[in-house]
Amino acid sequence: MAGAPGGARGGSLLEGSARTKRRRAREWRMKAYGIAAIVLSLSTLFFMLATILLDGVSAFRQATITFPVMVDAAVVDKAGNRNREEMAKVTTIGYKRLLSQAFVAHLAAEGIDTAGMPEKDLAAMLSDDGPARLRDRVLADPSLVGQVVEVSVYATGRIDGYLKGRVTRETAERDTNVTPAQLDLTDRLVAAGMLSLPFNWGFLTGPDASDLRPEASGLGVAIIGSLYMMVLVALMTVPVGVAASIYLEEFAPKNRFTDLIEVNISNLAAVPSIVFGILGLAIFINFMGLPQSSSLVGALVISLMTLPTIIIATRSAIRAVPPSIREAALGIGASKMQLVFHHVLPLAMPGIMTGTILGLASALGETAPLLLIGMVAFVTNYPAGPLEGGIMDPATALPVQVYSWASRSDPAFIERSSGAIIVLLVFLVIMNVAAILLRRRFERRW
């Protein structure tokens, strides 16, 4: 009966039909699939971050041995005239002998049991970085010669790993770089207050170190190189990208030529990053002769890779401005230039800034193109200031430094690679938070 409750098929409106129940079941299944996907994604992200933090947080602390040293003039200044040029002729070998003797003497003076360990094994607990630091300190202040100064010397990577749980007595028995007796002495040094794990500022400010001194390696050169590159990339891509977007979206005629340009921009945004590295190697290094592994070459390669992304994001922001804004501006007599720069561009600026910052943040983590242009080179010298040609000096970048450390055999470098990832993630988080804040600050709603 057509007028019966529940429709032509009969039944009550308060009771769902079998078809309705199946439809609701499908909706619940799709909702469950979505929740499961989100939970899986968050779990994976949490596991990845937890792994990186557990492995990398310890890189920000470094085992340090503190003891007094007599800066013997007979070793560091044989002429006795405190002339820096003559004192500079003394190599780190002399300072290493000075540190070793002072360390052994202080252990005896403090009554710390060395269990009959030879002086060679005692000195082997001190990092090879210590003599270089003491030498730099004495050359910077020659008045220290003949005085007793307190020094803080890095312990070797194995001693540092023992305090952080990376090295055990079982592994020490099979390791030629450390002995169980040295680990026992480490415990006694900690109890005596000579050995501690302070915050390692050198990890953030120091240059890279050789495979023999993992405890002395730092991110200083990589951080400066990344900053140089990002500043250059921003200067090269933002004006060009925004100008190209404005022309294509507001002024360019709609014909086959502009369609070809738009297709190629979309294609370039999807090209693998390593292809840009090959292009940079062929053009900027082999053809133009720019210095290999310099920040300028890295910025040029990253700019080519980032420019299509910025153009696409900027065009989307311009296209998001309501047509009524354009119609109203033209209706009151505004010119095309006035329409674009007085109305459209200010309203699209939040989206443009957000897309630009996110594009730069994505470029900051690129590794493959930088490897091809030689930025994986071992660099221990800081680049000069930007006004002194520092962009042409050899440098490296944070993602490349992560790759370099992760490829080395010493476990201490694996720890440092995770610490470098944390630093890189901090930079990325700062850039993403800045994008969100700028968008909320300048966003206008209509």
Protein backbone atom coordinates (compact mmCIF):
# COMPACT_ATOMS: atom_id res chain seq x y z
CA MET A 1 0.00 0.00 0.00
CA ALA A 2 1.52 3.31 -1.16
CA GLY A 3 0.54 5.31 1.90
CA ALA A 4 1.62 2.75 4.45
CA PRO A 5 4.23 3.74 7.02
CA GLY A 6 7.76 2.83 6.03
CA GLY A 7 7.26 3.49 2.32
CA ALA A 8 6.27 1.24 -0.53
CA ARG A 9 8.03 -1.73 0.96
CA GLY A 10 6.20 -1.41 4.25
CA GLY A 11 7.73 -1.53 7.73
CA SER A 12 8.29 1.10 10.39
CA LEU A 13 10.39 4.25 9.98
CA LEU A 14 11.81 3.58 13.44
CA GLU A 15 13.28 0.26 12.33
CA GLY A 16 16.12 0.24 9.82
CA SER A 17 15.84 -1.98 6.83
CA ALA A 18 18.49 -4.54 5.88
CA ARG A 19 19.78 -2.17 3.19
CA THR A 20 20.14 0.64 5.70
CA LYS A 21 21.98 -1.62 8.12
CA ARG A 22 24.41 -2.67 5.38
CA ARG A 23 25.05 0.96 4.47
CA ARG A 24 25.70 1.90 8.08
CA ALA A 25 28.01 -1.10 8.46
CA ARG A 26 30.02 0.08 5.43
CA GLU A 27 30.26 3.56 6.94
CA TRP A 28 31.52 2.14 10.22
CA ARG A 29 34.07 -0.02 8.39
CA MET A 30 35.39 2.97 6.47
CA LYS A 31 35.61 4.96 9.70
CA ALA A 32 37.46 2.08 11.35
CA TYR A 33 39.86 1.88 8.39
CA GLY A 34 40.56 5.59 8.70
CA ILE A 35 41.16 5.41 12.45
CA ALA A 36 43.40 2.36 11.98
CA ALA A 37 45.44 4.19 9.32
CA ILE A 38 45.88 7.21 11.59
CA VAL A 39 46.88 5.03 14.55
CA LEU A 40 49.36 3.12 12.39
CA SER A 41 50.88 6.36 11.04
CA LEU A 42 51.20 7.90 14.49
CA SER A 43 52.66 4.69 15.90
CA THR A 44 55.26 4.57 13.14
CA LEU A 45 56.13 8.23 13.67
CA PHE A 46 56.36 7.75 17.43
CA PHE A 47 58.57 4.67 17.01
CA MET A 48 60.87 6.51 14.60
CA LEU A 49 61.18 9.58 16.82
CA ALA A 50 61.67 7.47 19.94
CA THR A 51 64.44 5.49 18.25
CA ILE A 52 66.21 8.64 17.09
CA LEU A 53 65.90 10.31 20.50
CA LEU A 54 67.09 7.25 22.42
CA ASP A 55 70.09 6.87 20.14
CA GLY A 56 70.92 10.55 19.67
CA VAL A 57 70.27 12.39 22.94
CA SER A 58 73.46 10.97 24.42
CA ALA A 59 75.47 12.74 21.70
CA PHE A 60 74.80 16.03 23.48
CA ARG A 61 76.81 14.82 26.48
CA GLN A 62 80.46 13.87 26.37
CA ALA A 63 82.72 12.08 28.83
CA THR A 64 85.29 14.63 30.06
CA ILE A 65 88.30 14.12 32.33
CA THR A 66 89.38 17.13 34.40
CA PHE A 67 92.83 17.43 35.97
CA PRO A 68 95.60 20.05 36.44
CA VAL A 69 98.49 20.38 33.98
CA MET A 70 101.81 22.14 34.45
CA VAL A 71 102.53 23.97 31.19
CA ASP A 72 106.23 23.24 31.16
CA ALA A 73 108.26 25.90 29.36
CA ALA A 74 110.90 23.32 28.53
CA VAL A 75 108.33 21.61 26.29
CA VAL A 76 106.18 24.38 24.82
CA ASP A 77 108.65 27.33 24.81
CA LYS A 78 112.23 26.16 24.77
CA ALA A 79 113.56 29.62 23.82
CA GLY A 80 111.73 31.18 26.76
CA ASN A 81 110.78 34.39 24.93
CA ARG A 82 107.02 33.72 24.69
CA ASN A 83 107.09 34.29 20.92
CA ARG A 84 103.94 32.82 19.35
CA GLU A 85 105.63 32.02 16.04
CA GLU A 86 108.35 30.00 17.74
CA MET A 87 105.88 28.35 20.12
CA ALA A 88 103.73 27.35 17.16
CA LYS A 89 106.56 25.11 15.94
CA VAL A 90 105.86 22.76 18.85
CA THR A 91 103.47 20.12 17.53
CA THR A 92 100.70 18.33 19.39
CA ILE A 93 103.12 15.47 20.10
CA GLY A 94 104.82 17.54 22.78
CA TYR A 95 101.50 18.62 24.27
CA LYS A 96 100.27 15.02 24.25
CA ARG A 97 103.29 13.95 26.29
CA LEU A 98 102.62 16.87 28.65
CA LEU A 99 98.99 15.83 29.15
CA SER A 100 99.83 12.16 29.63
CA GLN A 101 102.44 12.85 32.28
CA ALA A 102 100.15 15.26 34.13
CA PHE A 103 97.26 12.75 34.05
CA VAL A 104 99.38 9.92 35.43
CA ALA A 105 100.87 12.20 38.10
CA HIS A 106 97.43 13.42 39.20
CA LEU A 107 96.13 9.86 39.52
CA ALA A 108 99.05 9.06 41.80
CA ALA A 109 98.57 12.26 43.80
CA GLU A 110 94.87 11.53 44.34
CA GLY A 111 95.63 7.97 45.39
CA ILE A 112 93.47 6.45 42.66
CA ASP A 113 94.30 2.81 42.15
CA THR A 114 95.47 2.14 38.59
CA ALA A 115 95.80 -1.63 39.17
CA GLY A 116 99.31 -1.65 37.78
CA MET A 117 98.21 -0.37 34.36
CA PRO A 118 101.09 0.82 32.17
CA GLU A 119 101.30 4.55 31.45
CA LYS A 120 100.53 3.84 27.81
CA ASP A 121 97.09 2.43 28.70
CA LEU A 122 96.42 5.34 31.05
CA ALA A 123 97.28 7.90 28.39
CA ALA A 124 95.14 6.00 25.87
CA MET A 125 92.06 7.00 27.86
CA LEU A 126 92.57 10.61 26.79
CA SER A 127 91.29 11.75 23.42
CA ASP A 128 93.81 12.80 20.77
CA ASP A 129 91.80 16.00 20.57
CA GLY A 130 93.09 17.13 23.99
CA PRO A 131 96.65 18.06 22.94
CA ALA A 132 95.35 20.20 20.06
CA ARG A 133 92.98 22.08 22.36
CA LEU A 134 95.70 22.69 24.94
CA ARG A 135 98.06 23.89 22.21
CA ASP A 136 95.48 26.37 20.89
CA ARG A 137 94.84 27.59 24.42
CA VAL A 138 98.54 28.19 25.13
CA LEU A 139 99.14 29.91 21.79
CA ALA A 140 96.17 32.19 22.43
CA ASP A 141 97.53 33.11 25.89
CA PRO A 142 101.32 32.60 26.20
CA SER A 143 101.18 33.81 29.80
CA LEU A 144 99.99 30.31 30.73
CA VAL A 145 103.50 28.96 30.16
CA GLY A 146 105.05 27.98 33.47
CA GLN A 147 101.69 27.90 35.28
CA VAL A 148 99.44 25.09 36.45
CA VAL A 149 96.14 25.18 34.56
CA GLU A 150 93.09 22.98 34.88
CA VAL A 151 92.12 21.27 31.65
CA SER A 152 89.04 19.31 30.63
CA VAL A 153 89.97 16.66 28.09
CA TYR A 154 87.54 14.42 26.22
CA ALA A 155 87.76 10.76 27.08
CA THR A 156 88.07 8.38 24.17
CA GLY A 157 85.00 7.10 22.37
CA ARG A 158 85.10 3.72 24.10
CA ILE A 159 85.22 5.28 27.59
CA ASP A 160 82.40 7.60 26.60
CA GLY A 161 80.45 4.64 25.25
CA TYR A 162 80.94 2.75 28.50
CA LEU A 163 79.40 5.56 30.54
CA LYS A 164 76.46 5.67 28.11
CA GLY A 165 75.93 1.91 28.11
CA ARG A 166 77.18 1.35 24.58
CA VAL A 167 80.32 -0.51 25.68
CA THR A 168 80.36 -3.34 28.23
CA ARG A 169 83.10 -5.41 29.83
CA GLU A 170 82.13 -8.33 27.62
CA THR A 171 82.65 -6.30 24.46
CA ALA A 172 85.83 -4.75 25.90
CA GLU A 173 87.41 -8.19 26.13
CA ARG A 174 87.09 -8.50 22.34
CA ASP A 175 87.91 -4.86 21.55
CA THR A 176 91.47 -3.76 20.83
CA ASN A 177 90.65 -0.12 21.58
CA VAL A 178 89.76 -0.57 25.25
CA THR A 179 90.50 -3.00 28.07
CA PRO A 180 88.43 -4.11 31.08
CA ALA A 181 91.08 -2.53 33.32
CA GLN A 182 90.43 0.85 31.72
CA LEU A 183 86.70 0.45 32.37
CA ASP A 184 87.41 -0.37 36.02
CA LEU A 185 89.54 2.76 36.25
CA THR A 186 86.71 4.70 34.64
CA ASP A 187 84.41 3.74 37.51
CA ARG A 188 87.00 4.94 40.02
CA LEU A 189 87.47 8.24 38.14
CA VAL A 190 83.72 8.84 38.22
CA ALA A 191 83.65 8.15 41.96
CA ALA A 192 86.57 10.55 42.47
CA GLY A 193 84.82 13.32 40.48
CA MET A 194 87.50 13.46 37.77
CA LEU A 195 85.27 12.03 35.04
CA SER A 196 81.83 13.40 34.24
CA LEU A 197 79.29 13.73 31.41
CA PRO A 198 78.66 17.48 30.94
CA PHE A 199 76.72 19.03 28.07
CA ASN A 200 78.80 18.82 24.91
CA TRP A 201 78.76 22.27 23.29
CA GLY A 202 81.49 21.06 20.96
CA PHE A 203 78.95 18.81 19.26
CA LEU A 204 77.09 21.92 18.05
CA THR A 205 80.06 24.19 17.41
CA GLY A 206 83.03 21.96 16.56
CA PRO A 207 84.08 20.76 13.10
CA ASP A 208 84.11 17.16 11.95
CA ALA A 209 86.86 14.85 13.17
CA SER A 210 88.69 11.84 11.81
CA ASP A 211 87.76 8.22 12.44
CA LEU A 212 90.33 8.13 15.26
CA ARG A 213 88.58 10.94 17.21
CA PRO A 214 84.81 10.36 17.05
CA GLU A 215 84.39 12.02 20.46
CA ALA A 216 85.65 15.34 19.01
CA SER A 217 83.41 15.47 15.93
CA GLY A 218 80.88 18.29 15.74
CA LEU A 219 78.26 19.94 13.55
CA GLY A 220 79.71 23.46 13.43
CA VAL A 221 80.75 23.42 9.77
CA ALA A 222 77.56 21.60 8.72
CA ILE A 223 75.30 24.10 10.50
CA ILE A 224 77.10 27.08 8.93
CA GLY A 225 77.01 25.42 5.50
CA SER A 226 73.28 24.73 5.81
CA LEU A 227 72.58 28.32 6.88
CA TYR A 228 74.59 29.70 3.96
CA MET A 229 72.75 27.44 1.54
CA MET A 230 69.28 28.22 2.86
CA VAL A 231 69.88 31.98 2.76
CA LEU A 232 71.16 31.75 -0.81
CA VAL A 233 68.29 29.47 -1.84
CA ALA A 234 65.76 31.92 -0.38
CA LEU A 235 67.39 34.87 -2.17
CA MET A 236 67.41 33.03 -5.49
CA THR A 237 64.06 31.22 -5.46
CA VAL A 238 61.60 33.51 -3.68
CA PRO A 239 61.83 36.56 -6.01
CA VAL A 240 61.98 34.42 -9.15
CA GLY A 241 59.27 32.03 -8.01
CA VAL A 242 56.84 34.72 -6.89
CA ALA A 243 57.43 36.83 -10.03
CA ALA A 244 56.93 33.82 -12.32
CA SER A 245 53.76 32.85 -10.47
CA ILE A 246 52.30 36.34 -10.72
CA TYR A 247 53.02 36.49 -14.45
CA LEU A 248 51.62 33.05 -15.21
CA GLU A 249 48.51 33.55 -13.09
CA GLU A 250 47.63 37.20 -13.79
CA PHE A 251 49.34 38.46 -16.95
CA ALA A 252 50.29 35.54 -19.22
CA PRO A 253 47.93 34.82 -22.12
CA LYS A 254 46.30 31.41 -22.15
CA ASN A 255 47.84 29.68 -25.14
CA ARG A 256 49.86 26.59 -26.00
CA PHE A 257 53.13 28.19 -24.95
CA THR A 258 51.98 28.97 -21.41
CA ASP A 259 50.34 25.53 -21.22
CA LEU A 260 53.72 24.02 -22.12
CA ILE A 261 55.39 26.07 -19.38
CA GLU A 262 52.85 24.94 -16.79
CA VAL A 263 53.26 21.28 -17.76
CA ASN A 264 57.05 21.55 -17.52
CA ILE A 265 56.85 23.22 -14.10
CA SER A 266 54.71 20.35 -12.84
CA ASN A 267 57.10 17.83 -14.36
CA LEU A 268 60.15 19.50 -12.80
CA ALA A 269 58.50 19.33 -9.38
CA ALA A 270 58.30 15.54 -9.77
CA VAL A 271 61.87 14.97 -11.02
CA PRO A 272 64.01 12.95 -8.55
CA SER A 273 66.43 15.13 -6.63
CA ILE A 274 69.47 13.16 -7.74
CA VAL A 275 68.82 14.29 -11.33
CA PHE A 276 69.32 17.90 -10.22
CA GLY A 277 72.58 16.81 -8.61
CA ILE A 278 73.80 15.39 -11.93
CA LEU A 279 72.72 18.61 -13.65
CA GLY A 280 74.57 20.73 -11.09
CA LEU A 281 77.70 18.60 -11.44
CA ALA A 282 77.66 18.96 -15.23
CA ILE A 283 76.84 22.67 -15.44
CA PHE A 284 78.05 24.44 -12.31
CA ILE A 285 81.21 22.41 -11.66
CA ASN A 286 82.37 20.85 -14.94
CA PHE A 287 81.21 23.63 -17.29
CA MET A 288 81.26 26.81 -15.20
CA GLY A 289 84.19 25.74 -13.02
CA LEU A 290 82.69 26.74 -9.67
CA PRO A 291 84.47 25.30 -6.62
CA GLN A 292 83.35 21.83 -5.68
CA SER A 293 81.55 21.32 -2.36
CA SER A 294 80.99 25.06 -1.89
CA SER A 295 77.80 26.48 -0.41
CA LEU A 296 77.15 28.44 -3.62
CA VAL A 297 77.03 25.34 -5.81
CA GLY A 298 74.86 23.56 -3.27
CA ALA A 299 72.47 26.52 -3.19
CA LEU A 300 72.26 26.65 -6.98
CA VAL A 301 71.38 22.96 -7.18
CA ILE A 302 68.84 23.15 -4.37
CA SER A 303 67.33 26.30 -5.94
CA LEU A 304 66.69 24.49 -9.22
CA MET A 305 64.97 21.73 -7.28
CA THR A 306 62.92 24.04 -5.02
CA LEU A 307 61.83 26.63 -7.59
CA PRO A 308 59.01 24.52 -9.17
CA THR A 309 57.59 23.76 -5.72
CA ILE A 310 57.53 27.44 -4.77
CA ILE A 311 55.91 28.39 -8.09
CA ILE A 312 53.16 25.81 -7.66
CA ALA A 313 52.49 26.84 -4.04
CA THR A 314 52.46 30.54 -4.94
CA ARG A 315 50.10 30.03 -7.86
CA SER A 316 47.73 28.09 -5.63
CA ALA A 317 47.76 30.93 -3.09
CA ILE A 318 47.06 33.53 -5.79
CA ARG A 319 44.31 31.39 -7.29
CA ALA A 320 42.68 31.09 -3.86
CA VAL A 321 41.92 34.82 -3.76
CA PRO A 322 38.16 35.17 -4.49
CA PRO A 323 37.27 36.51 -7.96
CA SER A 324 35.03 39.10 -6.30
CA ILE A 325 38.15 40.90 -5.05
CA ARG A 326 39.40 41.26 -8.61
CA GLU A 327 36.01 42.31 -9.93
CA ALA A 328 35.55 44.90 -7.20
CA ALA A 329 39.03 46.39 -7.77
CA LEU A 330 38.53 46.59 -11.52
CA GLY A 331 35.06 47.99 -11.00
CA ILE A 332 36.36 51.04 -9.13
CA GLY A 333 38.96 51.75 -11.82
CA ALA A 334 42.09 49.96 -10.55
CA SER A 335 44.68 49.03 -13.16
CA LYS A 336 45.94 45.51 -13.60
CA MET A 337 49.14 46.33 -11.69
CA GLN A 338 47.18 47.96 -8.87
CA LEU A 339 44.85 44.95 -8.75
CA VAL A 340 47.75 42.54 -8.39
CA PHE A 341 50.03 44.42 -6.00
CA HIS A 342 47.42 46.24 -3.88
CA HIS A 343 44.79 43.54 -3.55
CA VAL A 344 45.64 40.05 -4.81
CA LEU A 345 49.23 39.80 -3.59
CA PRO A 346 48.57 41.02 -0.01
CA LEU A 347 45.68 38.56 0.34
CA ALA A 348 47.75 35.70 -1.10
CA MET A 349 50.84 36.53 0.98
CA PRO A 350 50.06 34.09 3.86
CA GLY A 351 49.79 31.19 1.45
CA ILE A 352 52.88 32.31 -0.45
CA MET A 353 54.95 32.57 2.73
CA THR A 354 53.71 29.22 3.99
CA GLY A 355 54.47 27.45 0.72
CA THR A 356 57.88 29.08 0.49
CA ILE A 357 58.93 28.13 4.02
CA LEU A 358 57.70 24.57 3.60
CA GLY A 359 59.56 24.33 0.30
CA LEU A 360 62.76 25.56 1.93
CA ALA A 361 62.25 23.16 4.83
CA SER A 362 61.93 20.28 2.40
CA ALA A 363 65.07 21.41 0.58
CA LEU A 364 66.99 21.54 3.88
CA GLY A 365 66.74 17.77 4.19
CA GLU A 366 67.96 16.92 0.68
CA THR A 367 71.07 14.77 0.50
CA ALA A 368 71.41 13.11 -2.91
CA PRO A 369 72.13 16.24 -5.01
CA LEU A 370 74.67 17.49 -2.48
CA LEU A 371 76.52 14.19 -2.54
CA LEU A 372 76.99 14.45 -6.29
CA ILE A 373 78.54 17.92 -6.10
CA GLY A 374 81.09 16.82 -3.51
CA MET A 375 79.65 18.24 -0.28
CA VAL A 376 80.32 14.90 1.38
CA ALA A 377 84.01 15.88 1.57
CA PHE A 378 85.73 15.82 4.97
CA VAL A 379 85.79 19.51 5.98
CA THR A 380 87.44 20.64 9.22
CA ASN A 381 87.87 24.36 8.50
CA TYR A 382 85.05 26.79 9.07
CA PRO A 383 83.99 28.77 5.99
CA ALA A 384 84.72 32.49 6.07
CA GLY A 385 82.03 35.10 6.59
CA PRO A 386 79.52 35.68 3.80
CA LEU A 387 81.06 39.06 2.94
CA GLU A 388 84.52 37.49 2.81
CA GLY A 389 83.69 34.92 0.16
CA GLY A 390 82.64 32.21 2.57
CA ILE A 391 80.00 30.94 0.13
CA MET A 392 82.88 29.76 -2.11
CA ASP A 393 84.70 27.89 0.66
CA PRO A 394 84.34 24.11 1.06
CA ALA A 395 81.48 23.24 3.36
CA THR A 396 79.02 20.51 4.13
CA ALA A 397 75.36 20.37 5.19
CA LEU A 398 73.41 18.72 7.99
CA PRO A 399 71.85 15.88 5.95
CA VAL A 400 75.20 15.13 4.32
CA GLN A 401 76.88 15.07 7.73
CA VAL A 402 74.27 12.58 8.90
CA TYR A 403 75.04 10.38 5.90
CA SER A 404 78.80 10.68 6.46
CA TRP A 405 78.63 9.70 10.12
CA ALA A 406 76.17 6.88 9.55
CA SER A 407 78.51 5.33 6.96
CA ARG A 408 81.49 5.16 9.37
CA SER A 409 82.27 2.01 11.29
CA ASP A 410 82.79 3.36 14.82
CA PRO A 411 79.60 3.09 16.94
CA ALA A 412 80.29 6.56 18.35
CA PHE A 413 79.57 8.03 14.91
CA ILE A 414 76.21 6.24 14.77
CA GLU A 415 75.30 8.00 18.00
CA ARG A 416 76.37 11.31 16.50
CA SER A 417 74.42 10.73 13.32
CA SER A 418 71.25 10.34 15.41
CA GLY A 419 72.17 13.51 17.31
CA ALA A 420 72.61 15.33 14.00
CA ILE A 421 69.15 14.12 12.94
CA ILE A 422 67.73 15.67 16.11
CA VAL A 423 69.38 19.00 15.26
CA LEU A 424 68.02 18.78 11.71
CA LEU A 425 64.53 18.00 13.01
CA VAL A 426 64.72 21.02 15.32
CA PHE A 427 65.47 23.24 12.32
CA LEU A 428 62.58 21.70 10.37
CA VAL A 429 60.17 22.11 13.29
CA ILE A 430 61.18 25.76 13.68
CA MET A 431 60.57 26.41 9.98
CA ASN A 432 57.20 24.63 10.01
CA VAL A 433 56.08 26.46 13.17
CA ALA A 434 57.15 29.74 11.56
CA ALA A 435 55.03 28.91 8.52
CA ILE A 436 51.98 28.23 10.70
CA LEU A 437 52.44 31.41 12.76
CA LEU A 438 52.94 33.59 9.69
CA ARG A 439 49.86 32.14 8.09
CA ARG A 440 47.72 32.80 11.15
CA ARG A 441 49.23 36.27 11.58
CA PHE A 442 48.52 37.51 8.06
CA GLU A 443 45.56 35.38 7.07
CA ARG A 444 42.38 37.23 6.18
CA ARG A 445 39.03 35.51 6.09
CA TRP A 446 36.21 36.35 3.73
